[in-house]
N, C-alpha and C. Protein backbone atom coordinates (compact mmCIF):
# COMPACT_ATOMS: atom_id res chain seq x y z
N UNK A 1 -175.35 7.47 -173.26
CA UNK A 1 -175.05 6.64 -174.42
C UNK A 1 -175.45 7.36 -175.70
N UNK A 2 -174.98 6.83 -176.82
CA UNK A 2 -175.26 7.47 -178.09
C UNK A 2 -176.73 7.33 -178.45
N UNK A 3 -177.24 8.27 -179.24
CA UNK A 3 -178.64 8.27 -179.61
C UNK A 3 -178.92 7.19 -180.64
N UNK A 4 -180.11 6.56 -180.59
CA UNK A 4 -180.45 5.57 -181.61
C UNK A 4 -180.54 6.20 -182.99
N UNK A 5 -180.17 5.42 -184.01
CA UNK A 5 -180.14 5.91 -185.38
C UNK A 5 -181.08 5.04 -186.21
N UNK A 6 -181.83 5.66 -187.08
CA UNK A 6 -182.76 4.93 -187.93
C UNK A 6 -181.99 4.31 -189.09
N UNK A 7 -181.83 3.00 -189.05
CA UNK A 7 -181.08 2.28 -190.08
C UNK A 7 -181.98 1.20 -190.64
N UNK A 8 -181.99 1.00 -191.96
CA UNK A 8 -182.83 -0.05 -192.55
C UNK A 8 -182.45 -1.42 -192.01
N UNK A 9 -183.40 -2.36 -192.05
CA UNK A 9 -183.09 -3.70 -191.55
C UNK A 9 -182.54 -4.62 -192.64
N UNK A 10 -182.44 -4.13 -193.87
CA UNK A 10 -181.74 -4.85 -194.93
C UNK A 10 -180.56 -4.00 -195.37
N UNK A 11 -179.36 -4.53 -195.15
CA UNK A 11 -178.14 -3.74 -195.34
C UNK A 11 -177.20 -4.45 -196.31
N UNK A 12 -176.80 -3.79 -197.41
CA UNK A 12 -175.74 -4.36 -198.25
C UNK A 12 -174.42 -4.28 -197.49
N UNK A 13 -173.52 -5.20 -197.78
CA UNK A 13 -172.28 -5.23 -197.01
C UNK A 13 -171.11 -5.70 -197.85
N UNK A 14 -169.95 -5.18 -197.51
CA UNK A 14 -168.69 -5.67 -198.03
C UNK A 14 -168.12 -6.62 -196.98
N UNK A 15 -167.59 -7.74 -197.41
CA UNK A 15 -167.07 -8.76 -196.50
C UNK A 15 -165.55 -8.75 -196.56
N UNK A 16 -164.92 -8.48 -195.42
CA UNK A 16 -163.46 -8.34 -195.35
C UNK A 16 -162.92 -9.16 -194.18
N UNK A 17 -161.69 -9.62 -194.33
CA UNK A 17 -161.05 -10.37 -193.24
C UNK A 17 -160.16 -9.49 -192.38
N UNK A 18 -159.87 -8.27 -192.83
CA UNK A 18 -158.87 -7.44 -192.16
C UNK A 18 -159.44 -6.13 -191.61
N UNK A 19 -160.72 -5.88 -191.76
CA UNK A 19 -161.28 -4.59 -191.34
C UNK A 19 -162.54 -4.81 -190.53
N UNK A 20 -162.67 -4.02 -189.45
CA UNK A 20 -163.86 -4.01 -188.61
C UNK A 20 -164.27 -2.56 -188.42
N UNK A 21 -165.53 -2.27 -188.65
CA UNK A 21 -166.04 -0.90 -188.54
C UNK A 21 -166.72 -0.70 -187.20
N UNK A 22 -166.22 0.26 -186.43
CA UNK A 22 -166.84 0.62 -185.16
C UNK A 22 -167.75 1.83 -185.34
N UNK A 23 -168.86 1.90 -184.59
CA UNK A 23 -169.61 3.15 -184.55
C UNK A 23 -168.71 4.28 -184.08
N UNK A 24 -169.05 5.50 -184.48
CA UNK A 24 -168.33 6.70 -184.04
C UNK A 24 -166.87 6.72 -184.50
N UNK A 25 -166.59 6.05 -185.62
CA UNK A 25 -165.23 6.06 -186.16
C UNK A 25 -165.30 6.19 -187.68
N UNK A 26 -164.17 6.51 -188.28
CA UNK A 26 -164.07 6.65 -189.72
C UNK A 26 -163.18 5.53 -190.28
N UNK A 27 -163.63 4.91 -191.38
CA UNK A 27 -162.88 3.84 -192.01
C UNK A 27 -162.65 4.16 -193.48
N UNK A 28 -161.39 4.37 -193.88
CA UNK A 28 -161.10 4.56 -195.31
C UNK A 28 -161.09 3.21 -196.02
N UNK A 29 -161.67 3.16 -197.21
CA UNK A 29 -161.72 1.92 -197.99
C UNK A 29 -161.38 2.21 -199.44
N UNK A 30 -160.68 1.26 -200.06
CA UNK A 30 -160.41 1.31 -201.49
C UNK A 30 -161.19 0.18 -202.13
N UNK A 31 -162.12 0.50 -203.02
CA UNK A 31 -163.03 -0.47 -203.60
C UNK A 31 -162.63 -0.73 -205.06
N UNK A 32 -162.37 -2.02 -205.37
CA UNK A 32 -161.94 -2.33 -206.73
C UNK A 32 -162.73 -3.48 -207.36
N UNK A 33 -163.33 -4.37 -206.55
CA UNK A 33 -164.09 -5.48 -207.11
C UNK A 33 -165.37 -4.96 -207.76
N UNK A 34 -165.72 -5.55 -208.89
CA UNK A 34 -166.88 -5.06 -209.66
C UNK A 34 -168.18 -5.15 -208.86
N UNK A 35 -168.35 -6.23 -208.10
CA UNK A 35 -169.61 -6.38 -207.36
C UNK A 35 -169.75 -5.28 -206.31
N UNK A 36 -168.63 -4.85 -205.72
CA UNK A 36 -168.70 -3.80 -204.72
C UNK A 36 -168.81 -2.42 -205.36
N UNK A 37 -168.29 -2.28 -206.55
CA UNK A 37 -168.55 -1.03 -207.29
C UNK A 37 -170.04 -0.88 -207.56
N UNK A 38 -170.67 -2.00 -207.97
CA UNK A 38 -172.11 -1.98 -208.20
C UNK A 38 -172.86 -1.66 -206.91
N UNK A 39 -172.40 -2.25 -205.80
CA UNK A 39 -173.05 -1.99 -204.51
C UNK A 39 -172.97 -0.51 -204.16
N UNK A 40 -171.77 0.08 -204.35
CA UNK A 40 -171.61 1.49 -204.01
C UNK A 40 -172.47 2.38 -204.90
N UNK A 41 -172.57 2.04 -206.18
CA UNK A 41 -173.43 2.84 -207.07
C UNK A 41 -174.86 2.84 -206.55
N UNK A 42 -175.34 1.68 -206.12
CA UNK A 42 -176.70 1.60 -205.59
C UNK A 42 -176.81 2.37 -204.26
N UNK A 43 -175.78 2.24 -203.40
CA UNK A 43 -175.81 2.94 -202.12
C UNK A 43 -175.83 4.46 -202.31
N UNK A 44 -175.00 4.94 -203.22
CA UNK A 44 -174.91 6.39 -203.44
C UNK A 44 -176.20 6.95 -204.02
N UNK A 45 -176.95 6.13 -204.75
CA UNK A 45 -178.23 6.58 -205.27
C UNK A 45 -179.33 6.47 -204.22
N UNK A 46 -179.04 5.76 -203.12
CA UNK A 46 -180.04 5.56 -202.08
C UNK A 46 -179.68 6.27 -200.80
N UNK A 47 -179.67 5.52 -199.69
CA UNK A 47 -179.48 6.14 -198.37
C UNK A 47 -178.02 6.23 -197.93
N UNK A 48 -177.09 5.68 -198.74
CA UNK A 48 -175.64 5.75 -198.50
C UNK A 48 -175.18 4.85 -197.34
N UNK A 49 -176.04 3.96 -196.86
CA UNK A 49 -175.65 3.04 -195.80
C UNK A 49 -175.08 1.75 -196.38
N UNK A 50 -174.03 1.21 -195.77
CA UNK A 50 -173.67 -0.17 -195.99
C UNK A 50 -172.85 -0.67 -194.80
N UNK A 51 -172.72 -2.00 -194.72
CA UNK A 51 -172.04 -2.61 -193.60
C UNK A 51 -170.69 -3.17 -193.97
N UNK A 52 -169.88 -3.43 -192.95
CA UNK A 52 -168.60 -4.11 -193.11
C UNK A 52 -168.67 -5.38 -192.27
N UNK A 53 -168.81 -6.52 -192.94
CA UNK A 53 -168.91 -7.81 -192.26
C UNK A 53 -167.52 -8.43 -192.18
N UNK A 54 -167.27 -9.13 -191.07
CA UNK A 54 -165.95 -9.71 -190.83
C UNK A 54 -165.95 -11.17 -191.28
N UNK A 55 -165.10 -11.48 -192.25
CA UNK A 55 -164.99 -12.85 -192.76
C UNK A 55 -164.29 -13.74 -191.74
N UNK A 56 -164.86 -14.92 -191.50
CA UNK A 56 -164.26 -15.86 -190.55
C UNK A 56 -163.24 -16.75 -191.26
N UNK A 57 -162.11 -17.06 -190.60
CA UNK A 57 -161.12 -17.92 -191.23
C UNK A 57 -161.62 -19.35 -191.43
N UNK A 58 -162.53 -19.80 -190.57
CA UNK A 58 -163.11 -21.13 -190.67
C UNK A 58 -164.62 -20.99 -190.58
N UNK A 59 -165.33 -21.61 -191.51
CA UNK A 59 -166.79 -21.53 -191.49
C UNK A 59 -167.34 -22.26 -190.28
N UNK A 60 -168.34 -21.65 -189.65
CA UNK A 60 -168.96 -22.21 -188.44
C UNK A 60 -170.42 -22.55 -188.74
N UNK A 61 -170.77 -23.84 -188.87
CA UNK A 61 -172.15 -24.21 -189.24
C UNK A 61 -173.18 -23.82 -188.20
N UNK A 62 -172.75 -23.46 -186.99
CA UNK A 62 -173.70 -23.07 -185.94
C UNK A 62 -174.18 -21.63 -186.09
N UNK A 63 -173.51 -20.85 -186.94
CA UNK A 63 -173.89 -19.45 -187.12
C UNK A 63 -174.98 -19.32 -188.18
N UNK A 64 -175.73 -18.22 -188.12
CA UNK A 64 -176.77 -17.97 -189.12
C UNK A 64 -176.15 -17.89 -190.51
N UNK A 65 -175.04 -17.16 -190.63
CA UNK A 65 -174.28 -17.10 -191.87
C UNK A 65 -172.90 -17.69 -191.55
N UNK A 66 -172.60 -18.91 -192.00
CA UNK A 66 -171.42 -19.63 -191.49
C UNK A 66 -170.07 -18.98 -191.76
N UNK A 67 -169.96 -18.13 -192.78
CA UNK A 67 -168.64 -17.62 -193.15
C UNK A 67 -168.33 -16.23 -192.64
N UNK A 68 -169.25 -15.61 -191.88
CA UNK A 68 -168.99 -14.27 -191.35
C UNK A 68 -169.42 -14.18 -189.89
N UNK A 69 -168.81 -13.23 -189.18
CA UNK A 69 -169.16 -13.00 -187.78
C UNK A 69 -170.60 -12.50 -187.68
N UNK A 70 -171.30 -12.81 -186.59
CA UNK A 70 -172.73 -12.50 -186.49
C UNK A 70 -173.05 -11.03 -186.23
N UNK A 71 -172.04 -10.22 -185.88
CA UNK A 71 -172.25 -8.79 -185.65
C UNK A 71 -171.39 -8.01 -186.62
N UNK A 72 -171.95 -6.97 -187.21
CA UNK A 72 -171.16 -6.12 -188.10
C UNK A 72 -171.44 -4.65 -187.81
N UNK A 73 -170.51 -3.81 -188.23
CA UNK A 73 -170.71 -2.37 -188.15
C UNK A 73 -171.38 -1.85 -189.40
N UNK A 74 -172.29 -0.91 -189.24
CA UNK A 74 -172.96 -0.26 -190.36
C UNK A 74 -172.57 1.21 -190.36
N UNK A 75 -172.28 1.73 -191.55
CA UNK A 75 -171.88 3.13 -191.65
C UNK A 75 -172.54 3.83 -192.81
N UNK A 76 -172.25 5.11 -192.92
CA UNK A 76 -172.77 5.94 -194.00
C UNK A 76 -171.58 6.52 -194.77
N UNK A 77 -171.70 6.55 -196.07
CA UNK A 77 -170.63 7.09 -196.92
C UNK A 77 -170.57 8.60 -196.74
N UNK A 78 -169.42 9.10 -196.28
CA UNK A 78 -169.26 10.54 -196.07
C UNK A 78 -168.52 11.19 -197.23
N UNK A 79 -167.67 10.44 -197.91
CA UNK A 79 -166.94 10.98 -199.07
C UNK A 79 -166.61 9.82 -199.99
N UNK A 80 -166.64 10.06 -201.28
CA UNK A 80 -166.35 9.00 -202.25
C UNK A 80 -165.76 9.63 -203.51
N UNK A 81 -164.63 9.11 -203.95
CA UNK A 81 -163.95 9.61 -205.14
C UNK A 81 -163.70 8.44 -206.08
N UNK A 82 -164.08 8.60 -207.35
CA UNK A 82 -163.85 7.58 -208.37
C UNK A 82 -162.55 7.90 -209.11
N UNK A 83 -161.66 6.91 -209.18
CA UNK A 83 -160.40 7.08 -209.88
C UNK A 83 -160.57 6.82 -211.38
N UNK A 84 -159.54 7.17 -212.15
CA UNK A 84 -159.60 7.00 -213.60
C UNK A 84 -159.78 5.55 -214.01
N UNK A 85 -159.27 4.61 -213.18
CA UNK A 85 -159.40 3.18 -213.51
C UNK A 85 -160.71 2.58 -213.04
N UNK A 86 -161.60 3.40 -212.50
CA UNK A 86 -162.90 2.92 -212.07
C UNK A 86 -162.96 2.46 -210.63
N UNK A 87 -161.83 2.35 -209.96
CA UNK A 87 -161.84 2.02 -208.54
C UNK A 87 -162.28 3.24 -207.73
N UNK A 88 -162.64 3.02 -206.48
CA UNK A 88 -163.17 4.11 -205.67
C UNK A 88 -162.45 4.17 -204.33
N UNK A 89 -162.23 5.38 -203.85
CA UNK A 89 -161.75 5.63 -202.50
C UNK A 89 -162.87 6.31 -201.73
N UNK A 90 -163.15 5.80 -200.54
CA UNK A 90 -164.26 6.39 -199.79
C UNK A 90 -163.94 6.41 -198.30
N UNK A 91 -164.69 7.24 -197.61
CA UNK A 91 -164.65 7.30 -196.15
C UNK A 91 -166.02 6.88 -195.64
N UNK A 92 -166.02 5.83 -194.81
CA UNK A 92 -167.26 5.32 -194.22
C UNK A 92 -167.28 5.71 -192.75
N UNK A 93 -168.35 6.39 -192.33
CA UNK A 93 -168.51 6.77 -190.93
C UNK A 93 -169.38 5.75 -190.22
N UNK A 94 -168.81 5.08 -189.21
CA UNK A 94 -169.56 4.07 -188.48
C UNK A 94 -170.70 4.67 -187.69
N UNK A 95 -171.84 4.00 -187.71
CA UNK A 95 -173.04 4.49 -187.03
C UNK A 95 -173.57 3.55 -185.97
N UNK A 96 -173.50 2.24 -186.22
CA UNK A 96 -174.19 1.32 -185.31
C UNK A 96 -173.64 -0.09 -185.44
N UNK A 97 -173.90 -0.89 -184.40
CA UNK A 97 -173.70 -2.34 -184.44
C UNK A 97 -175.03 -2.98 -184.81
N UNK A 98 -174.97 -4.03 -185.64
CA UNK A 98 -176.18 -4.77 -185.97
C UNK A 98 -175.91 -6.26 -185.88
N UNK A 99 -176.95 -7.00 -185.51
CA UNK A 99 -176.91 -8.46 -185.51
C UNK A 99 -177.39 -8.94 -186.87
N UNK A 100 -176.65 -9.86 -187.47
CA UNK A 100 -177.04 -10.43 -188.75
C UNK A 100 -178.02 -11.57 -188.51
N UNK A 101 -179.22 -11.45 -189.07
CA UNK A 101 -180.29 -12.42 -188.86
C UNK A 101 -180.51 -13.33 -190.05
N UNK A 102 -180.00 -12.97 -191.21
CA UNK A 102 -180.19 -13.78 -192.41
C UNK A 102 -179.60 -13.07 -193.61
N UNK A 103 -179.70 -13.69 -194.77
CA UNK A 103 -179.14 -13.13 -195.99
C UNK A 103 -180.20 -13.09 -197.08
N UNK A 104 -180.22 -11.98 -197.82
CA UNK A 104 -181.15 -11.80 -198.94
C UNK A 104 -180.49 -12.35 -200.20
N UNK A 105 -181.12 -13.27 -200.86
CA UNK A 105 -180.56 -13.89 -202.05
C UNK A 105 -180.92 -13.11 -203.31
N UNK A 106 -180.16 -13.38 -204.38
CA UNK A 106 -180.53 -12.87 -205.70
C UNK A 106 -179.81 -11.62 -206.16
N UNK A 107 -178.77 -11.19 -205.44
CA UNK A 107 -178.01 -10.01 -205.87
C UNK A 107 -176.54 -10.39 -206.02
N UNK A 108 -175.83 -9.63 -206.84
CA UNK A 108 -174.41 -9.90 -207.09
C UNK A 108 -173.59 -9.67 -205.83
N UNK A 109 -173.96 -8.68 -205.05
CA UNK A 109 -173.29 -8.43 -203.77
C UNK A 109 -174.21 -8.88 -202.64
N UNK A 110 -173.66 -8.95 -201.44
CA UNK A 110 -174.39 -9.55 -200.32
C UNK A 110 -175.22 -8.50 -199.58
N UNK A 111 -176.45 -8.89 -199.25
CA UNK A 111 -177.36 -8.05 -198.49
C UNK A 111 -177.85 -8.89 -197.30
N UNK A 112 -177.75 -8.32 -196.10
CA UNK A 112 -178.11 -9.05 -194.90
C UNK A 112 -179.35 -8.47 -194.23
N UNK A 113 -180.15 -9.36 -193.69
CA UNK A 113 -181.26 -8.97 -192.82
C UNK A 113 -180.67 -8.76 -191.44
N UNK A 114 -180.91 -7.59 -190.85
CA UNK A 114 -180.23 -7.26 -189.60
C UNK A 114 -181.19 -6.70 -188.56
N UNK A 115 -180.68 -6.64 -187.34
CA UNK A 115 -181.40 -6.03 -186.23
C UNK A 115 -180.43 -5.17 -185.44
N UNK A 116 -180.85 -3.97 -185.13
CA UNK A 116 -180.00 -3.06 -184.35
C UNK A 116 -179.70 -3.65 -182.98
N UNK A 117 -178.46 -3.47 -182.52
CA UNK A 117 -178.05 -3.90 -181.19
C UNK A 117 -177.96 -2.69 -180.27
N UNK A 118 -178.53 -2.81 -179.09
CA UNK A 118 -178.47 -1.74 -178.10
C UNK A 118 -177.42 -2.09 -177.05
N UNK A 119 -176.59 -1.13 -176.72
CA UNK A 119 -175.56 -1.33 -175.72
C UNK A 119 -176.16 -1.42 -174.32
N UNK A 120 -175.65 -2.36 -173.53
CA UNK A 120 -176.10 -2.54 -172.16
C UNK A 120 -175.04 -2.02 -171.20
N UNK A 121 -175.48 -1.47 -170.06
CA UNK A 121 -174.57 -0.98 -169.03
C UNK A 121 -174.94 -1.64 -167.71
N UNK A 122 -173.97 -2.27 -167.08
CA UNK A 122 -174.21 -2.92 -165.79
C UNK A 122 -173.91 -1.99 -164.61
N UNK A 123 -172.86 -1.19 -164.74
CA UNK A 123 -172.45 -0.31 -163.64
C UNK A 123 -172.00 1.02 -164.23
N UNK A 124 -172.88 2.03 -164.18
CA UNK A 124 -172.61 3.32 -164.81
C UNK A 124 -171.39 4.00 -164.20
N UNK A 125 -171.19 3.85 -162.89
CA UNK A 125 -170.05 4.47 -162.24
C UNK A 125 -168.75 3.84 -162.75
N UNK A 126 -168.74 2.51 -162.85
CA UNK A 126 -167.57 1.81 -163.35
C UNK A 126 -167.29 2.17 -164.81
N UNK A 127 -168.34 2.29 -165.59
CA UNK A 127 -168.19 2.66 -167.01
C UNK A 127 -167.55 4.03 -167.14
N UNK A 128 -167.98 4.98 -166.33
CA UNK A 128 -167.39 6.33 -166.37
C UNK A 128 -165.91 6.28 -165.99
N UNK A 129 -165.58 5.49 -164.96
CA UNK A 129 -164.19 5.37 -164.54
C UNK A 129 -163.33 4.75 -165.63
N UNK A 130 -163.86 3.74 -166.30
CA UNK A 130 -163.12 3.10 -167.39
C UNK A 130 -162.93 4.07 -168.55
N UNK A 131 -163.97 4.84 -168.85
CA UNK A 131 -163.88 5.82 -169.93
C UNK A 131 -162.79 6.86 -169.63
N UNK A 132 -162.76 7.35 -168.40
CA UNK A 132 -161.72 8.32 -168.01
C UNK A 132 -160.33 7.70 -168.12
N UNK A 133 -160.23 6.42 -167.75
CA UNK A 133 -158.94 5.74 -167.83
C UNK A 133 -158.49 5.59 -169.29
N UNK A 134 -159.44 5.34 -170.18
CA UNK A 134 -159.11 5.24 -171.60
C UNK A 134 -158.55 6.56 -172.13
N UNK A 135 -159.16 7.68 -171.71
CA UNK A 135 -158.64 8.98 -172.12
C UNK A 135 -157.22 9.19 -171.61
N UNK A 136 -156.98 8.85 -170.35
CA UNK A 136 -155.63 8.99 -169.78
C UNK A 136 -154.63 8.13 -170.56
N UNK A 137 -155.05 6.92 -170.90
CA UNK A 137 -154.18 6.00 -171.62
C UNK A 137 -153.86 6.53 -173.02
N UNK A 138 -154.85 7.14 -173.66
CA UNK A 138 -154.62 7.70 -175.00
C UNK A 138 -153.57 8.81 -174.95
N UNK A 139 -153.65 9.68 -173.94
CA UNK A 139 -152.65 10.73 -173.79
C UNK A 139 -151.27 10.13 -173.49
N UNK A 140 -151.24 9.07 -172.67
CA UNK A 140 -149.97 8.42 -172.35
C UNK A 140 -149.35 7.78 -173.59
N UNK A 141 -150.18 7.16 -174.43
CA UNK A 141 -149.68 6.57 -175.66
C UNK A 141 -149.18 7.64 -176.62
N UNK A 142 -149.87 8.79 -176.63
CA UNK A 142 -149.40 9.91 -177.44
C UNK A 142 -148.01 10.35 -177.00
N UNK A 143 -147.79 10.38 -175.70
CA UNK A 143 -146.47 10.75 -175.17
C UNK A 143 -145.41 9.72 -175.54
N UNK A 144 -145.85 8.46 -175.80
CA UNK A 144 -144.93 7.40 -176.19
C UNK A 144 -144.68 7.36 -177.70
N UNK A 145 -145.29 8.30 -178.43
CA UNK A 145 -145.03 8.39 -179.86
C UNK A 145 -146.16 7.95 -180.76
N UNK A 146 -147.29 7.48 -180.20
CA UNK A 146 -148.43 7.12 -181.03
C UNK A 146 -149.13 8.40 -181.49
N UNK A 147 -149.30 8.51 -182.80
CA UNK A 147 -149.87 9.73 -183.37
C UNK A 147 -151.39 9.73 -183.22
N UNK A 148 -151.94 10.76 -182.61
CA UNK A 148 -153.38 10.93 -182.50
C UNK A 148 -153.88 11.80 -183.65
N UNK A 149 -154.95 11.35 -184.31
CA UNK A 149 -155.52 12.15 -185.37
C UNK A 149 -156.16 13.42 -184.80
N UNK A 150 -156.40 14.38 -185.66
CA UNK A 150 -157.05 15.62 -185.22
C UNK A 150 -158.45 15.31 -184.68
N UNK A 151 -159.15 14.36 -185.33
CA UNK A 151 -160.48 13.97 -184.87
C UNK A 151 -160.40 13.37 -183.47
N UNK A 152 -159.42 12.49 -183.26
CA UNK A 152 -159.25 11.86 -181.95
C UNK A 152 -158.96 12.90 -180.88
N UNK A 153 -158.09 13.83 -181.19
CA UNK A 153 -157.74 14.87 -180.23
C UNK A 153 -158.97 15.69 -179.83
N UNK A 154 -159.82 15.99 -180.80
CA UNK A 154 -161.04 16.75 -180.51
C UNK A 154 -162.00 15.94 -179.64
N UNK A 155 -162.12 14.64 -179.93
CA UNK A 155 -162.98 13.79 -179.12
C UNK A 155 -162.50 13.72 -177.68
N UNK A 156 -161.19 13.61 -177.50
CA UNK A 156 -160.65 13.52 -176.14
C UNK A 156 -160.94 14.79 -175.35
N UNK A 157 -160.97 15.93 -176.03
CA UNK A 157 -161.21 17.20 -175.36
C UNK A 157 -162.69 17.46 -175.11
N UNK A 158 -163.55 17.01 -176.03
CA UNK A 158 -164.93 17.50 -176.01
C UNK A 158 -166.00 16.44 -175.74
N UNK A 159 -165.65 15.16 -175.80
CA UNK A 159 -166.67 14.11 -175.69
C UNK A 159 -166.52 13.38 -174.37
N UNK A 160 -167.65 13.19 -173.67
CA UNK A 160 -167.66 12.47 -172.40
C UNK A 160 -168.47 11.18 -172.44
N UNK A 161 -169.12 10.90 -173.57
CA UNK A 161 -169.93 9.71 -173.69
C UNK A 161 -169.02 8.48 -173.68
N UNK A 162 -169.12 7.59 -172.67
CA UNK A 162 -168.22 6.45 -172.59
C UNK A 162 -168.29 5.52 -173.80
N UNK A 163 -169.48 5.37 -174.38
CA UNK A 163 -169.60 4.48 -175.54
C UNK A 163 -168.82 5.03 -176.73
N UNK A 164 -168.94 6.33 -176.97
CA UNK A 164 -168.20 6.94 -178.06
C UNK A 164 -166.70 6.84 -177.81
N UNK A 165 -166.28 7.12 -176.59
CA UNK A 165 -164.86 7.03 -176.25
C UNK A 165 -164.34 5.61 -176.50
N UNK A 166 -165.11 4.61 -176.06
CA UNK A 166 -164.69 3.23 -176.25
C UNK A 166 -164.55 2.86 -177.72
N UNK A 167 -165.53 3.27 -178.52
CA UNK A 167 -165.46 2.98 -179.96
C UNK A 167 -164.26 3.66 -180.61
N UNK A 168 -164.03 4.91 -180.27
CA UNK A 168 -162.91 5.64 -180.85
C UNK A 168 -161.57 5.02 -180.46
N UNK A 169 -161.43 4.64 -179.20
CA UNK A 169 -160.18 4.04 -178.75
C UNK A 169 -159.95 2.68 -179.41
N UNK A 170 -161.02 1.89 -179.52
CA UNK A 170 -160.90 0.59 -180.18
C UNK A 170 -160.48 0.75 -181.63
N UNK A 171 -161.09 1.71 -182.31
CA UNK A 171 -160.76 1.94 -183.71
C UNK A 171 -159.31 2.40 -183.89
N UNK A 172 -158.85 3.23 -182.97
CA UNK A 172 -157.52 3.83 -183.12
C UNK A 172 -156.39 2.93 -182.64
N UNK A 173 -156.62 2.15 -181.57
CA UNK A 173 -155.51 1.49 -180.90
C UNK A 173 -155.53 -0.04 -180.92
N UNK A 174 -156.67 -0.65 -181.25
CA UNK A 174 -156.72 -2.11 -181.30
C UNK A 174 -156.39 -2.55 -182.72
N UNK A 175 -155.34 -3.33 -182.88
CA UNK A 175 -154.82 -3.63 -184.20
C UNK A 175 -155.35 -4.95 -184.77
N UNK A 176 -155.42 -5.99 -183.95
CA UNK A 176 -155.73 -7.32 -184.48
C UNK A 176 -157.21 -7.42 -184.85
N UNK A 177 -157.52 -7.85 -186.08
CA UNK A 177 -158.93 -7.92 -186.51
C UNK A 177 -159.80 -8.80 -185.61
N UNK A 178 -159.26 -9.93 -185.13
CA UNK A 178 -160.09 -10.82 -184.30
C UNK A 178 -160.46 -10.16 -182.98
N UNK A 179 -159.52 -9.36 -182.42
CA UNK A 179 -159.83 -8.66 -181.17
C UNK A 179 -160.79 -7.50 -181.43
N UNK A 180 -160.60 -6.82 -182.54
CA UNK A 180 -161.54 -5.75 -182.91
C UNK A 180 -162.96 -6.33 -183.04
N UNK A 181 -163.07 -7.51 -183.67
CA UNK A 181 -164.38 -8.12 -183.82
C UNK A 181 -164.95 -8.54 -182.48
N UNK A 182 -164.11 -9.06 -181.58
CA UNK A 182 -164.59 -9.43 -180.24
C UNK A 182 -165.16 -8.22 -179.51
N UNK A 183 -164.48 -7.09 -179.63
CA UNK A 183 -164.97 -5.86 -179.00
C UNK A 183 -166.29 -5.43 -179.62
N UNK A 184 -166.37 -5.49 -180.95
CA UNK A 184 -167.62 -5.13 -181.62
C UNK A 184 -168.77 -6.02 -181.17
N UNK A 185 -168.48 -7.32 -180.96
CA UNK A 185 -169.51 -8.28 -180.58
C UNK A 185 -170.03 -8.06 -179.16
N UNK A 186 -169.24 -7.42 -178.31
CA UNK A 186 -169.55 -7.36 -176.88
C UNK A 186 -170.67 -6.36 -176.60
N UNK A 187 -171.79 -6.86 -176.11
CA UNK A 187 -172.98 -6.02 -175.92
C UNK A 187 -172.89 -5.15 -174.68
N UNK A 188 -172.22 -5.63 -173.63
CA UNK A 188 -172.14 -4.90 -172.37
C UNK A 188 -170.98 -3.91 -172.42
N UNK A 189 -171.29 -2.63 -172.20
CA UNK A 189 -170.27 -1.60 -172.33
C UNK A 189 -169.16 -1.77 -171.30
N UNK A 190 -169.50 -2.20 -170.10
CA UNK A 190 -168.48 -2.43 -169.07
C UNK A 190 -167.39 -3.37 -169.59
N UNK A 191 -167.83 -4.52 -170.16
CA UNK A 191 -166.88 -5.52 -170.67
C UNK A 191 -166.14 -5.00 -171.90
N UNK A 192 -166.84 -4.25 -172.72
CA UNK A 192 -166.23 -3.72 -173.94
C UNK A 192 -165.08 -2.77 -173.60
N UNK A 193 -165.32 -1.89 -172.65
CA UNK A 193 -164.27 -0.94 -172.27
C UNK A 193 -163.09 -1.64 -171.61
N UNK A 194 -163.37 -2.70 -170.86
CA UNK A 194 -162.29 -3.49 -170.26
C UNK A 194 -161.39 -4.10 -171.34
N UNK A 195 -161.99 -4.61 -172.40
CA UNK A 195 -161.22 -5.19 -173.50
C UNK A 195 -160.35 -4.14 -174.18
N UNK A 196 -160.92 -2.96 -174.42
CA UNK A 196 -160.15 -1.89 -175.07
C UNK A 196 -159.01 -1.44 -174.16
N UNK A 197 -159.30 -1.29 -172.88
CA UNK A 197 -158.27 -0.86 -171.94
C UNK A 197 -157.12 -1.86 -171.87
N UNK A 198 -157.44 -3.16 -171.88
CA UNK A 198 -156.39 -4.18 -171.85
C UNK A 198 -155.52 -4.11 -173.10
N UNK A 199 -156.14 -3.86 -174.25
CA UNK A 199 -155.37 -3.74 -175.49
C UNK A 199 -154.45 -2.52 -175.47
N UNK A 200 -154.95 -1.42 -174.93
CA UNK A 200 -154.14 -0.21 -174.85
C UNK A 200 -153.02 -0.38 -173.83
N UNK A 201 -153.29 -1.08 -172.73
CA UNK A 201 -152.25 -1.35 -171.74
C UNK A 201 -151.14 -2.20 -172.35
N UNK A 202 -151.52 -3.15 -173.20
CA UNK A 202 -150.52 -3.98 -173.89
C UNK A 202 -149.61 -3.11 -174.77
N UNK A 203 -150.18 -2.12 -175.42
CA UNK A 203 -149.38 -1.20 -176.23
C UNK A 203 -148.42 -0.40 -175.35
N UNK A 204 -148.93 0.03 -174.20
CA UNK A 204 -148.06 0.77 -173.26
C UNK A 204 -146.91 -0.10 -172.78
N UNK A 205 -147.19 -1.35 -172.49
CA UNK A 205 -146.14 -2.27 -172.03
C UNK A 205 -145.09 -2.48 -173.12
N UNK A 206 -145.55 -2.59 -174.39
CA UNK A 206 -144.61 -2.74 -175.50
C UNK A 206 -143.73 -1.49 -175.63
N UNK A 207 -144.36 -0.33 -175.50
CA UNK A 207 -143.61 0.92 -175.65
C UNK A 207 -142.58 1.07 -174.53
N UNK A 208 -142.94 0.58 -173.33
CA UNK A 208 -142.03 0.68 -172.20
C UNK A 208 -140.86 -0.29 -172.33
N UNK A 209 -141.06 -1.30 -173.20
CA UNK A 209 -139.97 -2.22 -173.51
C UNK A 209 -139.64 -3.22 -172.47
């Protein structure tokens, strides 16, 4: 599994309904709201970490934070360019899943109290088999016309860590935000890889017509 990463337990976050950040993946973002510009200025002067929280279509009073999903991806800013109009384009590299435990009040942008989530494995042999199947499926989808990025191609050739493979495949091939969030929420790697594999199989079925 991937190595633990030292991430602060208070994380500023951007809240989006259409984007989910997976560890071991890259997410391009265009930032235009003033509160998020302020957040990025603070992040760039500090540790460069921030999270991407998934906005819920309906508020759930049973959740710690009713309007967002309880798990979010945290990443580090790898590149950031400011445009002439003051908006920013950046690349966020996903690092970890975190559980949202509460919200820090008193700032223009949102800051969450979080706890790192550790991936669980029930059957290491099954996990390896699922990971190998995901790689095979990625090559099959490439043959069907799905474009693989240069980064993805390198991962398929050089990476054997099932958790990394699962995150990369989910980021590249799972389209629907609600399903992406379900995969992010899933603590057990066996179940997570099954979800990604089912989504990729659905793409194969569509391509086969």
